[in-house]
Amino acid sequence: MFIKRENNLKEKFPSPKAYLLIMSLANWLGFGNRPNNGSKYFSLSKYWPVDLDNVKQD
């Protein structure tokens, strides 16, 4: 799905880069070992935002 959206954007706007961001890995398995993990695909947090007060520093 992301690649389709990225290709559509490139047709209309060839210069900008597209990135895929997810808010939390708390309810999702993440990007696994995909090659774009950490360069185009990012997770903002391992934790759900409401749980941040209860999280000890990793």
N, C-alpha and C. Protein backbone atom coordinates (compact mmCIF):
# COMPACT_ATOMS: atom_id res chain seq x y z
N MET A 1 0.82 -1.19 0.00
CA MET A 1 0.00 0.00 0.00
C MET A 1 0.87 1.27 0.00
N PHE A 2 1.91 1.28 0.85
CA PHE A 2 2.78 2.45 0.90
C PHE A 2 3.50 2.66 -0.43
N ILE A 3 3.98 1.59 -1.02
CA ILE A 3 4.72 1.71 -2.29
C ILE A 3 3.82 2.28 -3.38
N LYS A 4 2.57 1.86 -3.40
CA LYS A 4 1.62 2.41 -4.37
C LYS A 4 1.43 3.91 -4.16
N ARG A 5 1.27 4.32 -2.91
CA ARG A 5 1.12 5.75 -2.60
C ARG A 5 2.40 6.52 -2.95
N GLU A 6 3.53 5.93 -2.63
CA GLU A 6 4.81 6.57 -2.92
C GLU A 6 4.97 6.78 -4.44
N ASN A 7 4.65 5.77 -5.22
CA ASN A 7 4.76 5.89 -6.67
C ASN A 7 3.81 6.95 -7.22
N ASN A 8 2.62 7.02 -6.67
CA ASN A 8 1.65 8.04 -7.07
C ASN A 8 2.20 9.44 -6.77
N LEU A 9 2.78 9.62 -5.61
CA LEU A 9 3.37 10.92 -5.26
C LEU A 9 4.54 11.27 -6.18
N LYS A 10 5.37 10.28 -6.52
CA LYS A 10 6.52 10.53 -7.39
C LYS A 10 6.10 11.00 -8.77
N GLU A 11 4.95 10.50 -9.25
CA GLU A 11 4.45 10.95 -10.55
C GLU A 11 4.11 12.43 -10.53
N LYS A 12 3.54 12.87 -9.43
CA LYS A 12 3.08 14.26 -9.30
C LYS A 12 4.16 15.19 -8.77
N PHE A 13 4.99 14.68 -7.87
CA PHE A 13 6.03 15.47 -7.22
C PHE A 13 7.32 14.64 -7.19
N PRO A 14 8.13 14.68 -8.24
CA PRO A 14 9.29 13.78 -8.33
C PRO A 14 10.42 14.05 -7.32
N SER A 15 10.56 15.24 -6.80
CA SER A 15 11.71 15.55 -5.94
C SER A 15 11.57 15.11 -4.48
N PRO A 16 10.43 15.36 -3.80
CA PRO A 16 10.35 15.01 -2.38
C PRO A 16 10.42 13.50 -2.14
N LYS A 17 10.90 13.14 -0.96
CA LYS A 17 10.96 11.74 -0.54
C LYS A 17 9.78 11.42 0.35
N ALA A 18 9.30 10.20 0.29
CA ALA A 18 8.18 9.75 1.12
C ALA A 18 8.72 8.86 2.24
N TYR A 19 8.12 8.98 3.41
CA TYR A 19 8.49 8.18 4.56
C TYR A 19 7.23 7.59 5.17
N LEU A 20 7.36 6.42 5.77
CA LEU A 20 6.24 5.78 6.45
C LEU A 20 6.53 5.80 7.94
N LEU A 21 5.67 6.46 8.70
CA LEU A 21 5.82 6.56 10.15
C LEU A 21 4.63 5.89 10.83
N ILE A 22 4.91 5.12 11.86
CA ILE A 22 3.84 4.61 12.71
C ILE A 22 4.06 5.18 14.10
N MET A 23 2.99 5.34 14.83
CA MET A 23 3.08 5.96 16.14
C MET A 23 3.73 5.05 17.17
N SER A 24 3.32 3.78 17.20
CA SER A 24 3.78 2.91 18.27
C SER A 24 3.86 1.46 17.80
N LEU A 25 4.82 0.72 18.36
CA LEU A 25 4.92 -0.71 18.11
C LEU A 25 4.07 -1.50 19.11
N ALA A 26 3.37 -0.81 20.01
CA ALA A 26 2.63 -1.48 21.07
C ALA A 26 1.54 -2.40 20.53
N ASN A 27 0.94 -2.06 19.42
CA ASN A 27 -0.14 -2.89 18.89
C ASN A 27 0.14 -3.35 17.46
N TRP A 28 1.42 -3.40 17.10
CA TRP A 28 1.80 -3.75 15.74
C TRP A 28 3.17 -4.39 15.77
N LEU A 29 3.42 -5.36 14.92
CA LEU A 29 4.69 -6.09 14.94
C LEU A 29 5.86 -5.32 14.35
N GLY A 30 5.59 -4.26 13.65
CA GLY A 30 6.66 -3.44 13.10
C GLY A 30 7.03 -3.82 11.68
N PHE A 31 8.17 -3.34 11.26
CA PHE A 31 8.61 -3.51 9.89
C PHE A 31 9.50 -4.74 9.71
N GLY A 32 9.79 -5.44 10.78
CA GLY A 32 10.63 -6.62 10.68
C GLY A 32 12.02 -6.27 10.20
N ASN A 33 12.54 -7.08 9.28
CA ASN A 33 13.89 -6.83 8.77
C ASN A 33 13.85 -6.28 7.34
N ARG A 34 12.83 -5.52 7.01
CA ARG A 34 12.74 -4.93 5.67
C ARG A 34 13.91 -3.97 5.46
N PRO A 35 14.43 -3.90 4.25
CA PRO A 35 15.61 -3.07 4.00
C PRO A 35 15.42 -1.58 4.25
N ASN A 36 14.20 -1.09 4.17
CA ASN A 36 13.95 0.35 4.39
C ASN A 36 13.70 0.70 5.85
N ASN A 37 13.75 -0.28 6.73
CA ASN A 37 13.54 -0.03 8.15
C ASN A 37 14.67 0.86 8.67
N GLY A 38 14.31 2.01 9.20
CA GLY A 38 15.29 2.95 9.72
C GLY A 38 15.77 3.98 8.71
N SER A 39 15.41 3.80 7.45
CA SER A 39 15.78 4.80 6.45
C SER A 39 14.55 5.44 5.80
N LYS A 40 13.51 4.65 5.56
CA LYS A 40 12.24 5.18 5.03
C LYS A 40 11.07 4.82 5.92
N TYR A 41 11.21 3.75 6.70
CA TYR A 41 10.15 3.28 7.59
C TYR A 41 10.60 3.51 9.03
N PHE A 42 9.74 4.17 9.81
CA PHE A 42 10.11 4.52 11.18
C PHE A 42 8.95 4.28 12.14
N SER A 43 9.28 3.92 13.35
CA SER A 43 8.34 3.85 14.45
C SER A 43 8.72 4.94 15.43
N LEU A 44 7.76 5.72 15.87
CA LEU A 44 8.05 6.82 16.79
C LEU A 44 8.29 6.35 18.22
N SER A 45 7.72 5.20 18.59
CA SER A 45 7.87 4.73 19.96
C SER A 45 7.59 3.23 20.04
N LYS A 46 8.17 2.58 21.04
CA LYS A 46 7.82 1.19 21.31
C LYS A 46 6.53 1.11 22.13
N TYR A 47 6.17 2.22 22.75
CA TYR A 47 5.08 2.22 23.72
C TYR A 47 3.88 3.03 23.23
N TRP A 48 2.71 2.67 23.72
CA TRP A 48 1.50 3.43 23.44
C TRP A 48 1.57 4.73 24.24
N PRO A 49 1.18 5.87 23.68
CA PRO A 49 1.36 7.18 24.35
C PRO A 49 0.80 7.26 25.76
N VAL A 50 -0.33 6.66 26.03
CA VAL A 50 -0.90 6.77 27.38
C VAL A 50 -0.09 5.99 28.40
N ASP A 51 0.76 5.08 27.95
CA ASP A 51 1.58 4.28 28.87
C ASP A 51 2.94 4.91 29.15
N LEU A 52 3.28 6.00 28.52
CA LEU A 52 4.62 6.57 28.67
C LEU A 52 4.96 6.97 30.10
N ASP A 53 3.98 7.40 30.88
CA ASP A 53 4.26 7.77 32.25
C ASP A 53 4.69 6.56 33.10
N ASN A 54 4.27 5.38 32.69
CA ASN A 54 4.57 4.17 33.45
C ASN A 54 5.80 3.43 32.96
N VAL A 55 6.43 3.92 31.92
CA VAL A 55 7.58 3.25 31.31
C VAL A 55 8.87 3.71 31.97
N LYS A 56 9.69 2.76 32.38
CA LYS A 56 11.01 3.10 32.89
C LYS A 56 11.94 3.29 31.71
N GLN A 57 12.99 4.06 31.91
CA GLN A 57 13.93 4.31 30.83
C GLN A 57 14.55 3.01 30.34
N ASP A 58 14.52 2.83 29.01
CA ASP A 58 15.13 1.62 28.41
C ASP A 58 16.63 1.75 28.39
